[in-house]
C-alpha cells in the first residue's frame, strides 16, 4: 500500500449535508469545507428531494425528511464517518 493511500485511510471522515436538492451546491460546500478541514476527508450528501434552493423557513422545513434520509444513507455507506455537518 502506498504512503498516500495509507494516509488517506487515516483521515477521519466528515459528512457535509446539503439540505437542498442541488448537487452543484453540495460540491461547492464540500470544496470549501475541505479547504478549511484538510485533516479530514470531506464527504458530501445531497437531499434526494425537496427544494432546489432554500431561501425561507418553510422550504427548510420541507427538506427535513430528505436530510435525515441522506444522512442515514451516508452513514450506512460510510460507517466510519466521525462527524455530520
Protein backbone atom coordinates (compact mmCIF):
# COMPACT_ATOMS: atom_id res chain seq x y z
CA UNK A 1 0.00 0.00 0.00
CA UNK A 2 1.38 3.42 -0.94
CA UNK A 3 2.14 6.03 1.68
CA UNK A 4 -0.59 8.31 0.24
CA UNK A 5 -3.28 5.61 0.40
CA UNK A 6 -2.24 4.78 3.98
CA UNK A 7 -2.51 8.49 4.82
CA UNK A 8 -5.96 8.67 3.18
CA UNK A 9 -7.13 5.71 5.26
CA UNK A 10 -6.07 7.50 8.44
CA UNK A 11 -8.18 10.59 7.69
CA UNK A 12 -11.38 10.91 9.67
CA UNK A 13 -14.44 11.50 7.55
CA UNK A 14 -16.78 14.46 7.89
CA UNK A 15 -20.17 14.36 6.22
CA UNK A 16 -21.37 17.72 4.88
CA UNK A 17 -25.12 17.65 4.30
CA UNK A 18 -26.77 19.97 1.81
CA UNK A 19 -30.46 20.37 2.77
CA UNK A 20 -31.46 21.40 -0.74
CA UNK A 21 -31.55 19.05 -3.72
CA UNK A 22 -28.93 20.85 -5.79
CA UNK A 23 -25.85 18.63 -6.32
CA UNK A 24 -23.76 21.53 -7.61
CA UNK A 25 -24.27 23.34 -4.30
CA UNK A 26 -23.15 20.24 -2.40
CA UNK A 27 -19.95 20.13 -4.42
CA UNK A 28 -19.22 23.79 -3.63
CA UNK A 29 -19.96 23.24 0.07
CA UNK A 30 -17.57 20.27 0.14
CA UNK A 31 -14.86 22.22 -1.66
CA UNK A 32 -14.98 24.98 0.97
CA UNK A 33 -15.22 22.51 3.85
CA UNK A 34 -12.22 20.53 2.55
CA UNK A 35 -10.16 23.72 2.31
CA UNK A 36 -10.95 24.50 5.97
CA UNK A 37 -10.57 20.91 7.20
CA UNK A 38 -7.50 19.47 5.44
CA UNK A 39 -7.03 16.90 8.21
CA UNK A 40 -10.39 15.30 7.33
CA UNK A 41 -11.85 13.57 4.31
CA UNK A 42 -14.97 15.54 3.44
CA UNK A 43 -17.92 13.59 2.03
CA UNK A 44 -20.99 15.33 0.64
CA UNK A 45 -24.63 14.29 0.82
CA UNK A 46 -27.43 15.99 -1.10
CA UNK A 47 -31.09 15.77 -0.16
CA UNK A 48 -32.81 13.43 -2.64
CA UNK A 49 -35.92 15.60 -2.80
CA UNK A 50 -37.34 18.87 -1.65
CA UNK A 51 -36.46 22.37 -2.77
CA UNK A 52 -33.56 23.03 -5.17
CA UNK A 53 -32.67 26.15 -3.21
CA UNK A 54 -33.70 27.04 0.33
CA UNK A 55 -34.42 30.70 0.91
CA UNK A 56 -37.08 30.60 3.64
CA UNK A 57 -38.03 28.67 6.77
CA UNK A 58 -40.88 26.81 5.07
CA UNK A 59 -38.54 25.34 2.45
CA UNK A 60 -36.05 24.34 5.15
CA UNK A 61 -38.83 22.51 6.98
CA UNK A 62 -39.83 20.76 3.77
CA UNK A 63 -36.30 19.46 3.33
CA UNK A 64 -36.01 17.96 6.84
CA UNK A 65 -37.12 14.42 5.94
CA UNK A 66 -34.82 14.39 2.91
CA UNK A 67 -31.87 15.49 5.05
CA UNK A 68 -32.49 12.71 7.56
CA UNK A 69 -32.71 10.20 4.71
CA UNK A 70 -29.47 11.47 3.15
CA UNK A 71 -27.63 11.28 6.48
CA UNK A 72 -28.83 7.74 7.24
CA UNK A 73 -27.87 6.60 3.73
CA UNK A 74 -24.40 8.15 4.02
CA UNK A 75 -23.83 6.64 7.46
CA UNK A 76 -24.89 3.25 6.14
CA UNK A 77 -22.44 3.54 3.22
CA UNK A 78 -19.64 5.07 5.36
CA UNK A 79 -19.89 3.73 8.92
CA UNK A 80 -16.60 5.37 9.82
CA UNK A 81 -17.90 8.96 9.50
CA UNK A 82 -16.68 10.92 12.51
CA UNK A 83 -18.95 13.98 12.22
CA UNK A 84 -22.01 15.27 10.40
CA UNK A 85 -22.29 18.96 9.48
